[in-house]
Amino acid sequence: MLHTSTSLVHPPAALNGFTGDTQSVFPVESPDPLSLDAPTERIDWSEEDIVFLHWRLLQEVNQLSDPATPLEDKFDTLRWVFTEQDKDRQPFSFVNCLRVVGCSPLSPIAYCGLVDAQDIRDHIRNKLKLWLSESLARYPQWVRDAIANNPQWVETRLAKNPQWINEQIKQMSEQGDLFT
């Protein structure tokens, strides 16, 4: 997933790999050359690269309907889509990505103009129960119950360790083997 657990901030790693003729330059300085969070070299970006990045981030929304998408990725995307309204004007926010992709002549999609973010959010909200049900059907009943009864607890566990559910399932299956 390209975005972190914060609602709007995307790690610099999400920005790596985009090349092209540069028009825009975003220098990034780091006091720690070994830090993965702050690259020490200049990253040159064209306007087209930046528009493409906005488009790529919006592609994460498509993963919500895929039952095979990990739950942590879905929660992360949902936090990004349904962030607080006062953050909608921030760079790389869901709303800003819709605006850039919908209005830029450099967009990889046909021009569609300003898109009502609330309409898109409403559509996602209406489909969310089905999408999550399809995802949860892949898990044992205890996982489904935990998510239904205490989703924040599960989300917190997944934020600390995205493999938490898989580890718990493996541990329970190993314990089951001991008693058979």
N, C-alpha and C. Protein backbone atom coordinates (compact mmCIF):
# COMPACT_ATOMS: atom_id res chain seq x y z
N MET A 1 0.84 -1.17 0.00
CA MET A 1 0.00 0.00 0.00
C MET A 1 0.88 1.23 0.00
N LEU A 2 0.44 2.25 -0.65
CA LEU A 2 1.28 3.41 -0.78
C LEU A 2 1.16 4.39 0.36
N HIS A 3 0.13 4.35 1.14
CA HIS A 3 0.02 5.35 2.18
C HIS A 3 0.16 4.71 3.55
N THR A 4 0.59 5.51 4.50
CA THR A 4 0.83 5.04 5.84
C THR A 4 -0.46 5.13 6.63
N SER A 5 -0.35 4.87 7.93
CA SER A 5 -1.54 4.89 8.76
C SER A 5 -2.08 6.30 8.98
N THR A 6 -1.32 7.31 8.63
CA THR A 6 -1.87 8.66 8.72
C THR A 6 -2.83 8.87 7.56
N SER A 7 -3.70 9.82 7.71
CA SER A 7 -4.74 10.00 6.73
C SER A 7 -4.25 10.54 5.39
N LEU A 8 -3.20 11.33 5.37
CA LEU A 8 -2.84 12.02 4.14
C LEU A 8 -1.40 11.84 3.72
N VAL A 9 -0.53 11.52 4.61
CA VAL A 9 0.88 11.52 4.31
C VAL A 9 1.28 10.20 3.68
N HIS A 10 2.01 10.28 2.58
CA HIS A 10 2.49 9.09 1.90
C HIS A 10 3.99 9.06 2.03
N PRO A 11 4.57 7.91 2.33
CA PRO A 11 6.02 7.86 2.58
C PRO A 11 6.80 8.14 1.31
N PRO A 12 8.01 8.65 1.46
CA PRO A 12 8.83 8.91 0.29
C PRO A 12 9.02 7.68 -0.58
N ALA A 13 9.00 6.49 -0.02
CA ALA A 13 9.15 5.28 -0.83
C ALA A 13 8.08 5.20 -1.90
N ALA A 14 6.93 5.76 -1.65
CA ALA A 14 5.85 5.77 -2.64
C ALA A 14 6.21 6.66 -3.82
N LEU A 15 7.13 7.55 -3.61
CA LEU A 15 7.50 8.49 -4.65
C LEU A 15 8.65 7.98 -5.51
N ASN A 16 9.35 6.97 -5.09
CA ASN A 16 10.49 6.44 -5.84
C ASN A 16 10.03 5.74 -7.10
N GLY A 17 10.86 5.75 -8.09
CA GLY A 17 10.58 5.02 -9.31
C GLY A 17 9.90 5.82 -10.41
N PHE A 18 9.54 7.05 -10.15
CA PHE A 18 8.91 7.88 -11.18
C PHE A 18 10.00 8.70 -11.85
N THR A 19 10.09 8.60 -13.17
CA THR A 19 11.13 9.32 -13.89
C THR A 19 10.50 10.11 -15.02
N GLY A 20 11.26 10.89 -15.66
CA GLY A 20 10.76 11.66 -16.80
C GLY A 20 11.52 12.97 -16.91
N ASP A 21 11.18 13.74 -17.91
CA ASP A 21 11.78 15.06 -18.05
C ASP A 21 11.33 15.91 -16.89
N THR A 22 12.26 16.52 -16.22
CA THR A 22 11.94 17.22 -14.99
C THR A 22 11.60 18.67 -15.24
N GLN A 23 10.52 19.09 -14.62
CA GLN A 23 10.15 20.50 -14.59
C GLN A 23 10.03 20.94 -13.15
N SER A 24 9.55 20.04 -12.30
CA SER A 24 9.40 20.34 -10.89
C SER A 24 10.48 19.60 -10.11
N VAL A 25 11.04 20.25 -9.13
CA VAL A 25 12.09 19.62 -8.33
C VAL A 25 11.70 19.74 -6.87
N PHE A 26 11.77 18.61 -6.16
CA PHE A 26 11.47 18.59 -4.74
C PHE A 26 12.71 18.11 -4.01
N PRO A 27 13.55 19.02 -3.52
CA PRO A 27 14.74 18.57 -2.79
C PRO A 27 14.35 18.04 -1.43
N VAL A 28 14.97 16.94 -1.05
CA VAL A 28 14.73 16.35 0.26
C VAL A 28 16.09 16.17 0.92
N GLU A 29 16.24 16.70 2.09
CA GLU A 29 17.49 16.60 2.82
C GLU A 29 17.28 15.70 4.02
N SER A 30 18.31 14.95 4.40
CA SER A 30 18.21 14.07 5.55
C SER A 30 19.46 14.17 6.38
N PRO A 31 19.31 14.37 7.70
CA PRO A 31 20.49 14.39 8.54
C PRO A 31 21.07 12.98 8.73
N ASP A 32 20.27 11.95 8.53
CA ASP A 32 20.70 10.57 8.70
C ASP A 32 20.73 9.88 7.34
N PRO A 33 21.92 9.64 6.78
CA PRO A 33 21.98 9.07 5.43
C PRO A 33 21.43 7.65 5.36
N LEU A 34 21.29 6.97 6.47
CA LEU A 34 20.75 5.62 6.46
C LEU A 34 19.25 5.58 6.68
N SER A 35 18.64 6.71 6.90
CA SER A 35 17.21 6.78 7.15
C SER A 35 16.43 6.46 5.88
N LEU A 36 15.47 5.54 6.00
CA LEU A 36 14.61 5.21 4.87
C LEU A 36 13.48 6.23 4.71
N ASP A 37 13.22 6.99 5.76
CA ASP A 37 12.12 7.94 5.74
C ASP A 37 12.48 9.26 5.08
N ALA A 38 13.75 9.52 4.90
CA ALA A 38 14.15 10.81 4.34
C ALA A 38 15.34 10.60 3.41
N PRO A 39 15.10 10.44 2.13
CA PRO A 39 16.20 10.25 1.19
C PRO A 39 17.12 11.47 1.17
N THR A 40 18.39 11.23 0.86
CA THR A 40 19.37 12.32 0.89
C THR A 40 19.60 12.93 -0.48
N GLU A 41 19.11 12.34 -1.53
CA GLU A 41 19.33 12.89 -2.86
C GLU A 41 18.09 13.63 -3.35
N ARG A 42 18.33 14.50 -4.31
CA ARG A 42 17.21 15.25 -4.91
C ARG A 42 16.38 14.30 -5.75
N ILE A 43 15.09 14.47 -5.67
CA ILE A 43 14.18 13.71 -6.51
C ILE A 43 13.56 14.69 -7.50
N ASP A 44 13.85 14.48 -8.78
CA ASP A 44 13.33 15.36 -9.82
C ASP A 44 12.02 14.78 -10.35
N TRP A 45 11.03 15.63 -10.45
CA TRP A 45 9.70 15.21 -10.87
C TRP A 45 9.19 16.09 -12.00
N SER A 46 8.60 15.47 -12.98
CA SER A 46 7.91 16.25 -13.99
C SER A 46 6.47 16.44 -13.51
N GLU A 47 5.79 17.38 -14.12
CA GLU A 47 4.39 17.58 -13.77
C GLU A 47 3.59 16.32 -14.09
N GLU A 48 3.93 15.66 -15.19
CA GLU A 48 3.25 14.42 -15.56
C GLU A 48 3.46 13.33 -14.53
N ASP A 49 4.67 13.23 -13.97
CA ASP A 49 4.95 12.26 -12.92
C ASP A 49 4.06 12.50 -11.71
N ILE A 50 3.90 13.75 -11.35
CA ILE A 50 3.09 14.09 -10.18
C ILE A 50 1.62 13.76 -10.42
N VAL A 51 1.12 14.06 -11.60
CA VAL A 51 -0.27 13.71 -11.94
C VAL A 51 -0.43 12.20 -11.92
N PHE A 52 0.54 11.47 -12.47
CA PHE A 52 0.48 10.01 -12.48
C PHE A 52 0.47 9.45 -11.07
N LEU A 53 1.24 10.04 -10.18
CA LEU A 53 1.25 9.58 -8.79
C LEU A 53 -0.13 9.76 -8.15
N HIS A 54 -0.77 10.89 -8.40
CA HIS A 54 -2.14 11.09 -7.89
C HIS A 54 -3.06 10.00 -8.44
N TRP A 55 -2.94 9.70 -9.73
CA TRP A 55 -3.76 8.66 -10.35
C TRP A 55 -3.46 7.30 -9.72
N ARG A 56 -2.18 7.01 -9.52
CA ARG A 56 -1.80 5.72 -8.93
C ARG A 56 -2.37 5.56 -7.53
N LEU A 57 -2.36 6.61 -6.75
CA LEU A 57 -2.94 6.54 -5.41
C LEU A 57 -4.44 6.24 -5.48
N LEU A 58 -5.12 6.84 -6.42
CA LEU A 58 -6.56 6.57 -6.57
C LEU A 58 -6.82 5.12 -6.96
N GLN A 59 -5.87 4.47 -7.59
CA GLN A 59 -6.05 3.06 -7.97
C GLN A 59 -6.16 2.16 -6.74
N GLU A 60 -5.68 2.62 -5.61
CA GLU A 60 -5.79 1.85 -4.38
C GLU A 60 -7.26 1.62 -3.99
N VAL A 61 -8.12 2.54 -4.37
CA VAL A 61 -9.55 2.41 -4.06
C VAL A 61 -10.13 1.17 -4.74
N ASN A 62 -9.63 0.83 -5.92
CA ASN A 62 -10.11 -0.37 -6.62
C ASN A 62 -9.86 -1.64 -5.82
N GLN A 63 -8.84 -1.63 -5.00
CA GLN A 63 -8.50 -2.83 -4.22
C GLN A 63 -9.53 -3.12 -3.12
N LEU A 64 -10.36 -2.14 -2.79
CA LEU A 64 -11.37 -2.36 -1.76
C LEU A 64 -12.35 -3.47 -2.16
N SER A 65 -12.62 -3.61 -3.45
CA SER A 65 -13.59 -4.61 -3.90
C SER A 65 -12.98 -6.00 -4.08
N ASP A 66 -11.67 -6.11 -4.00
CA ASP A 66 -10.99 -7.39 -4.19
C ASP A 66 -10.92 -8.14 -2.86
N PRO A 67 -11.60 -9.29 -2.75
CA PRO A 67 -11.58 -10.05 -1.49
C PRO A 67 -10.18 -10.47 -1.06
N ALA A 68 -9.25 -10.58 -1.98
CA ALA A 68 -7.90 -11.02 -1.65
C ALA A 68 -7.02 -9.91 -1.09
N THR A 69 -7.47 -8.66 -1.17
CA THR A 69 -6.69 -7.56 -0.62
C THR A 69 -6.62 -7.70 0.89
N PRO A 70 -5.42 -7.64 1.47
CA PRO A 70 -5.30 -7.76 2.94
C PRO A 70 -6.15 -6.71 3.66
N LEU A 71 -6.69 -7.10 4.80
CA LEU A 71 -7.55 -6.20 5.57
C LEU A 71 -6.81 -4.92 5.97
N GLU A 72 -5.56 -5.02 6.36
CA GLU A 72 -4.81 -3.83 6.75
C GLU A 72 -4.74 -2.84 5.60
N ASP A 73 -4.56 -3.35 4.37
CA ASP A 73 -4.53 -2.46 3.21
C ASP A 73 -5.88 -1.79 3.00
N LYS A 74 -6.95 -2.56 3.22
CA LYS A 74 -8.29 -1.97 3.07
C LYS A 74 -8.53 -0.91 4.13
N PHE A 75 -8.17 -1.19 5.38
CA PHE A 75 -8.34 -0.20 6.44
C PHE A 75 -7.52 1.06 6.14
N ASP A 76 -6.32 0.87 5.64
CA ASP A 76 -5.45 2.00 5.32
C ASP A 76 -6.09 2.87 4.23
N THR A 77 -6.59 2.24 3.20
CA THR A 77 -7.25 2.97 2.12
C THR A 77 -8.50 3.69 2.63
N LEU A 78 -9.27 3.03 3.46
CA LEU A 78 -10.49 3.65 4.01
C LEU A 78 -10.16 4.86 4.88
N ARG A 79 -9.09 4.78 5.67
CA ARG A 79 -8.68 5.95 6.47
C ARG A 79 -8.34 7.11 5.55
N TRP A 80 -7.70 6.81 4.43
CA TRP A 80 -7.31 7.85 3.48
C TRP A 80 -8.54 8.47 2.81
N VAL A 81 -9.46 7.63 2.37
CA VAL A 81 -10.66 8.11 1.67
C VAL A 81 -11.55 8.92 2.62
N PHE A 82 -11.72 8.44 3.84
CA PHE A 82 -12.66 9.06 4.78
C PHE A 82 -11.97 9.91 5.83
N THR A 83 -10.88 10.56 5.45
CA THR A 83 -10.16 11.42 6.38
C THR A 83 -11.02 12.61 6.78
N GLU A 84 -10.56 13.33 7.77
CA GLU A 84 -11.28 14.52 8.23
C GLU A 84 -11.36 15.54 7.10
N GLN A 85 -12.50 16.22 7.02
CA GLN A 85 -12.76 17.17 5.95
C GLN A 85 -11.74 18.30 5.91
N ASP A 86 -11.23 18.71 7.05
CA ASP A 86 -10.27 19.82 7.06
C ASP A 86 -8.94 19.44 6.43
N LYS A 87 -8.71 18.16 6.15
CA LYS A 87 -7.47 17.72 5.51
C LYS A 87 -7.63 17.48 4.01
N ASP A 88 -8.81 17.72 3.50
CA ASP A 88 -9.08 17.43 2.09
C ASP A 88 -8.24 18.25 1.12
N ARG A 89 -7.73 19.40 1.52
CA ARG A 89 -6.94 20.24 0.62
C ARG A 89 -5.45 19.94 0.69
N GLN A 90 -5.07 19.01 1.54
CA GLN A 90 -3.66 18.64 1.68
C GLN A 90 -3.16 17.93 0.42
N PRO A 91 -1.87 18.05 0.12
CA PRO A 91 -1.31 17.32 -1.03
C PRO A 91 -1.54 15.82 -0.86
N PHE A 92 -1.93 15.17 -1.92
CA PHE A 92 -2.14 13.73 -1.98
C PHE A 92 -3.29 13.24 -1.12
N SER A 93 -4.16 14.14 -0.67
CA SER A 93 -5.38 13.69 -0.01
C SER A 93 -6.27 13.04 -1.08
N PHE A 94 -7.24 12.27 -0.66
CA PHE A 94 -8.16 11.64 -1.59
C PHE A 94 -8.83 12.69 -2.47
N VAL A 95 -9.33 13.75 -1.86
CA VAL A 95 -10.02 14.81 -2.60
C VAL A 95 -9.08 15.50 -3.58
N ASN A 96 -7.86 15.77 -3.15
CA ASN A 96 -6.90 16.42 -4.04
C ASN A 96 -6.53 15.50 -5.20
N CYS A 97 -6.41 14.21 -4.94
CA CYS A 97 -6.11 13.26 -6.02
C CYS A 97 -7.24 13.25 -7.04
N LEU A 98 -8.49 13.28 -6.58
CA LEU A 98 -9.62 13.33 -7.51
C LEU A 98 -9.57 14.60 -8.36
N ARG A 99 -9.24 15.72 -7.72
CA ARG A 99 -9.18 17.00 -8.43
C ARG A 99 -8.08 16.98 -9.48
N VAL A 100 -6.88 16.55 -9.10
CA VAL A 100 -5.74 16.56 -10.02
C VAL A 100 -6.01 15.62 -11.20
N VAL A 101 -6.44 14.41 -10.92
CA VAL A 101 -6.65 13.42 -11.98
C VAL A 101 -7.83 13.82 -12.88
N GLY A 102 -8.87 14.38 -12.29
CA GLY A 102 -10.04 14.77 -13.08
C GLY A 102 -9.84 15.99 -13.95
N CYS A 103 -8.94 16.88 -13.54
CA CYS A 103 -8.82 18.17 -14.24
C CYS A 103 -7.53 18.36 -15.03
N SER A 104 -6.53 17.55 -14.82
CA SER A 104 -5.26 17.78 -15.50
C SER A 104 -5.27 17.24 -16.93
N PRO A 105 -4.75 18.03 -17.86
CA PRO A 105 -4.62 17.51 -19.23
C PRO A 105 -3.56 16.41 -19.32
N LEU A 106 -2.76 16.25 -18.29
CA LEU A 106 -1.72 15.21 -18.27
C LEU A 106 -2.22 13.91 -17.62
N SER A 107 -3.48 13.89 -17.24
CA SER A 107 -4.05 12.72 -16.57
C SER A 107 -4.06 11.50 -17.49
N PRO A 108 -3.83 10.31 -16.93
CA PRO A 108 -3.90 9.10 -17.75
C PRO A 108 -5.33 8.69 -18.11
N ILE A 109 -6.32 9.39 -17.58
CA ILE A 109 -7.72 9.11 -17.94
C ILE A 109 -8.27 10.28 -18.75
N ALA A 110 -9.37 10.05 -19.42
CA ALA A 110 -10.02 11.12 -20.18
C ALA A 110 -10.48 12.22 -19.22
N TYR A 111 -10.47 13.43 -19.70
CA TYR A 111 -10.88 14.58 -18.89
C TYR A 111 -12.32 14.37 -18.39
N CYS A 112 -12.50 14.53 -17.07
CA CYS A 112 -13.85 14.42 -16.51
C CYS A 112 -14.19 15.61 -15.64
N GLY A 113 -13.24 16.51 -15.43
CA GLY A 113 -13.50 17.70 -14.63
C GLY A 113 -13.54 17.40 -13.15
N LEU A 114 -14.06 18.36 -12.41
CA LEU A 114 -14.17 18.18 -10.97
C LEU A 114 -15.15 17.06 -10.66
N VAL A 115 -14.75 16.18 -9.78
CA VAL A 115 -15.59 15.06 -9.36
C VAL A 115 -16.01 15.34 -7.92
N ASP A 116 -17.26 15.08 -7.61
CA ASP A 116 -17.76 15.28 -6.25
C ASP A 116 -17.23 14.15 -5.37
N ALA A 117 -16.29 14.49 -4.51
CA ALA A 117 -15.68 13.48 -3.63
C ALA A 117 -16.72 12.83 -2.73
N GLN A 118 -17.71 13.60 -2.30
CA GLN A 118 -18.73 13.03 -1.43
C GLN A 118 -19.54 11.96 -2.15
N ASP A 119 -19.80 12.13 -3.44
CA ASP A 119 -20.48 11.10 -4.22
C ASP A 119 -19.65 9.82 -4.28
N ILE A 120 -18.36 9.97 -4.48
CA ILE A 120 -17.47 8.80 -4.52
C ILE A 120 -17.43 8.13 -3.14
N ARG A 121 -17.32 8.94 -2.10
CA ARG A 121 -17.32 8.38 -0.75
C ARG A 121 -18.64 7.66 -0.45
N ASP A 122 -19.75 8.24 -0.87
CA ASP A 122 -21.05 7.59 -0.67
C ASP A 122 -21.12 6.24 -1.39
N HIS A 123 -20.60 6.20 -2.61
CA HIS A 123 -20.58 4.94 -3.37
C HIS A 123 -19.74 3.90 -2.62
N ILE A 124 -18.58 4.30 -2.15
CA ILE A 124 -17.71 3.38 -1.40
C ILE A 124 -18.43 2.91 -0.14
N ARG A 125 -19.03 3.84 0.58
CA ARG A 125 -19.75 3.51 1.82
C ARG A 125 -20.87 2.51 1.53
N ASN A 126 -21.59 2.68 0.42
CA ASN A 126 -22.69 1.78 0.07
C ASN A 126 -22.20 0.38 -0.28
N LYS A 127 -21.03 0.26 -0.86
CA LYS A 127 -20.48 -1.03 -1.27
C LYS A 127 -19.63 -1.69 -0.18
N LEU A 128 -19.26 -0.94 0.82
CA LEU A 128 -18.28 -1.40 1.79
C LEU A 128 -18.71 -2.67 2.54
N LYS A 129 -19.95 -2.74 2.95
CA LYS A 129 -20.40 -3.93 3.69
C LYS A 129 -20.22 -5.19 2.85
N LEU A 130 -20.60 -5.14 1.58
CA LEU A 130 -20.43 -6.28 0.68
C LEU A 130 -18.95 -6.62 0.52
N TRP A 131 -18.14 -5.61 0.26
CA TRP A 131 -16.72 -5.85 0.03
C TRP A 131 -16.05 -6.45 1.26
N LEU A 132 -16.35 -5.92 2.44
CA LEU A 132 -15.74 -6.46 3.65
C LEU A 132 -16.27 -7.85 3.96
N SER A 133 -17.54 -8.09 3.71
CA SER A 133 -18.11 -9.43 3.93
C SER A 133 -17.42 -10.46 3.05
N GLU A 134 -17.18 -10.11 1.80
CA GLU A 134 -16.48 -11.03 0.89
C GLU A 134 -15.06 -11.28 1.37
N SER A 135 -14.41 -10.26 1.88
CA SER A 135 -13.05 -10.44 2.40
C SER A 135 -13.05 -11.29 3.66
N LEU A 136 -13.98 -11.01 4.54
CA LEU A 136 -14.03 -11.73 5.81
C LEU A 136 -14.42 -13.19 5.64
N ALA A 137 -15.14 -13.51 4.58
CA ALA A 137 -15.54 -14.90 4.35
C ALA A 137 -14.33 -15.80 4.20
N ARG A 138 -13.20 -15.25 3.88
CA ARG A 138 -11.96 -16.01 3.72
C ARG A 138 -11.33 -16.38 5.06
N TYR A 139 -11.80 -15.79 6.16
CA TYR A 139 -11.19 -15.98 7.47
C TYR A 139 -12.05 -16.87 8.35
N PRO A 140 -11.42 -17.47 9.38
CA PRO A 140 -12.20 -18.27 10.34
C PRO A 140 -13.23 -17.40 11.08
N GLN A 141 -14.21 -18.06 11.65
CA GLN A 141 -15.30 -17.37 12.34
C GLN A 141 -14.79 -16.45 13.45
N TRP A 142 -13.77 -16.86 14.20
CA TRP A 142 -13.30 -16.03 15.31
C TRP A 142 -12.75 -14.69 14.81
N VAL A 143 -12.16 -14.68 13.60
CA VAL A 143 -11.66 -13.42 13.04
C VAL A 143 -12.84 -12.53 12.67
N ARG A 144 -13.84 -13.12 12.04
CA ARG A 144 -15.03 -12.35 11.66
C ARG A 144 -15.71 -11.77 12.90
N ASP A 145 -15.81 -12.58 13.96
CA ASP A 145 -16.43 -12.10 15.20
C ASP A 145 -15.62 -10.96 15.82
N ALA A 146 -14.30 -11.10 15.83
CA ALA A 146 -13.44 -10.06 16.42
C ALA A 146 -13.61 -8.75 15.67
N ILE A 147 -13.67 -8.83 14.34
CA ILE A 147 -13.82 -7.61 13.55
C ILE A 147 -15.20 -7.00 13.75
N ALA A 148 -16.22 -7.84 13.80
CA ALA A 148 -17.58 -7.34 13.99
C ALA A 148 -17.78 -6.73 15.38
N ASN A 149 -17.19 -7.34 16.40
CA ASN A 149 -17.40 -6.89 17.77
C ASN A 149 -16.44 -5.81 18.23
N ASN A 150 -15.24 -5.78 17.67
CA ASN A 150 -14.26 -4.80 18.13
C ASN A 150 -13.30 -4.43 16.99
N PRO A 151 -13.81 -3.75 15.96
CA PRO A 151 -12.96 -3.45 14.79
C PRO A 151 -11.75 -2.57 15.12
N GLN A 152 -11.88 -1.67 16.09
CA GLN A 152 -10.74 -0.81 16.44
C GLN A 152 -9.60 -1.63 17.03
N TRP A 153 -9.93 -2.63 17.84
CA TRP A 153 -8.92 -3.50 18.45
C TRP A 153 -8.16 -4.24 17.35
N VAL A 154 -8.90 -4.79 16.39
CA VAL A 154 -8.28 -5.51 15.28
C VAL A 154 -7.43 -4.56 14.45
N GLU A 155 -7.96 -3.38 14.16
CA GLU A 155 -7.21 -2.40 13.37
C GLU A 155 -5.91 -2.01 14.07
N THR A 156 -5.96 -1.83 15.39
CA THR A 156 -4.77 -1.49 16.15
C THR A 156 -3.73 -2.60 16.05
N ARG A 157 -4.18 -3.83 16.19
CA ARG A 157 -3.27 -4.99 16.07
C ARG A 157 -2.64 -5.03 14.67
N LEU A 158 -3.45 -4.83 13.64
CA LEU A 158 -2.94 -4.87 12.27
C LEU A 158 -2.00 -3.70 11.98
N ALA A 159 -2.26 -2.55 12.59
CA ALA A 159 -1.38 -1.40 12.39
C ALA A 159 0.01 -1.69 12.97
N LYS A 160 0.05 -2.40 14.09
CA LYS A 160 1.33 -2.76 14.71
C LYS A 160 2.02 -3.89 13.95
N ASN A 161 1.21 -4.82 13.42
CA ASN A 161 1.76 -5.98 12.73
C ASN A 161 0.77 -6.42 11.66
N PRO A 162 1.00 -6.07 10.40
CA PRO A 162 0.06 -6.43 9.34
C PRO A 162 -0.16 -7.93 9.18
N GLN A 163 0.75 -8.73 9.72
CA GLN A 163 0.61 -10.19 9.63
C GLN A 163 -0.06 -10.79 10.87
N TRP A 164 -0.58 -9.96 11.75
CA TRP A 164 -1.14 -10.43 13.01
C TRP A 164 -2.20 -11.51 12.82
N ILE A 165 -3.17 -11.30 11.94
CA ILE A 165 -4.24 -12.29 11.74
C ILE A 165 -3.64 -13.60 11.22
N ASN A 166 -2.76 -13.50 10.25
CA ASN A 166 -2.14 -14.72 9.71
C ASN A 166 -1.36 -15.48 10.78
N GLU A 167 -0.65 -14.76 11.62
CA GLU A 167 0.10 -15.40 12.70
C GLU A 167 -0.84 -16.07 13.70
N GLN A 168 -1.97 -15.41 14.01
CA GLN A 168 -2.93 -15.99 14.94
C GLN A 168 -3.58 -17.25 14.35
N ILE A 169 -3.91 -17.20 13.07
CA ILE A 169 -4.50 -18.37 12.41
C ILE A 169 -3.51 -19.53 12.43
N LYS A 170 -2.26 -19.25 12.11
CA LYS A 170 -1.24 -20.29 12.11
C LYS A 170 -1.06 -20.87 13.51
N GLN A 171 -0.99 -19.99 14.50
CA GLN A 171 -0.81 -20.44 15.88
C GLN A 171 -1.98 -21.32 16.33
N MET A 172 -3.19 -20.93 15.98
CA MET A 172 -4.36 -21.72 16.37
C MET A 172 -4.38 -23.07 15.64
N SER A 173 -3.97 -23.09 14.38
CA SER A 173 -3.96 -24.36 13.65
C SER A 173 -2.90 -25.29 14.21
N GLU A 174 -1.76 -24.73 14.64
CA GLU A 174 -0.72 -25.55 15.26
C GLU A 174 -1.18 -26.11 16.60
N GLN A 175 -1.89 -25.30 17.38
CA GLN A 175 -2.44 -25.77 18.64
C GLN A 175 -3.47 -26.85 18.42
N GLY A 176 -4.27 -26.69 17.37
CA GLY A 176 -5.26 -27.70 17.03
C GLY A 176 -4.62 -29.03 16.69
N ASP A 177 -3.47 -28.98 16.02
CA ASP A 177 -2.76 -30.20 15.66
C ASP A 177 -2.25 -30.95 16.88
N LEU A 178 -1.96 -30.22 17.96
CA LEU A 178 -1.47 -30.85 19.18
C LEU A 178 -2.54 -31.71 19.84
N PHE A 179 -3.78 -31.36 19.66
CA PHE A 179 -4.86 -32.05 20.36
C PHE A 179 -5.58 -33.07 19.50
N THR A 180 -5.18 -33.26 18.28
CA THR A 180 -5.85 -34.24 17.42
C THR A 180 -5.13 -35.55 17.41
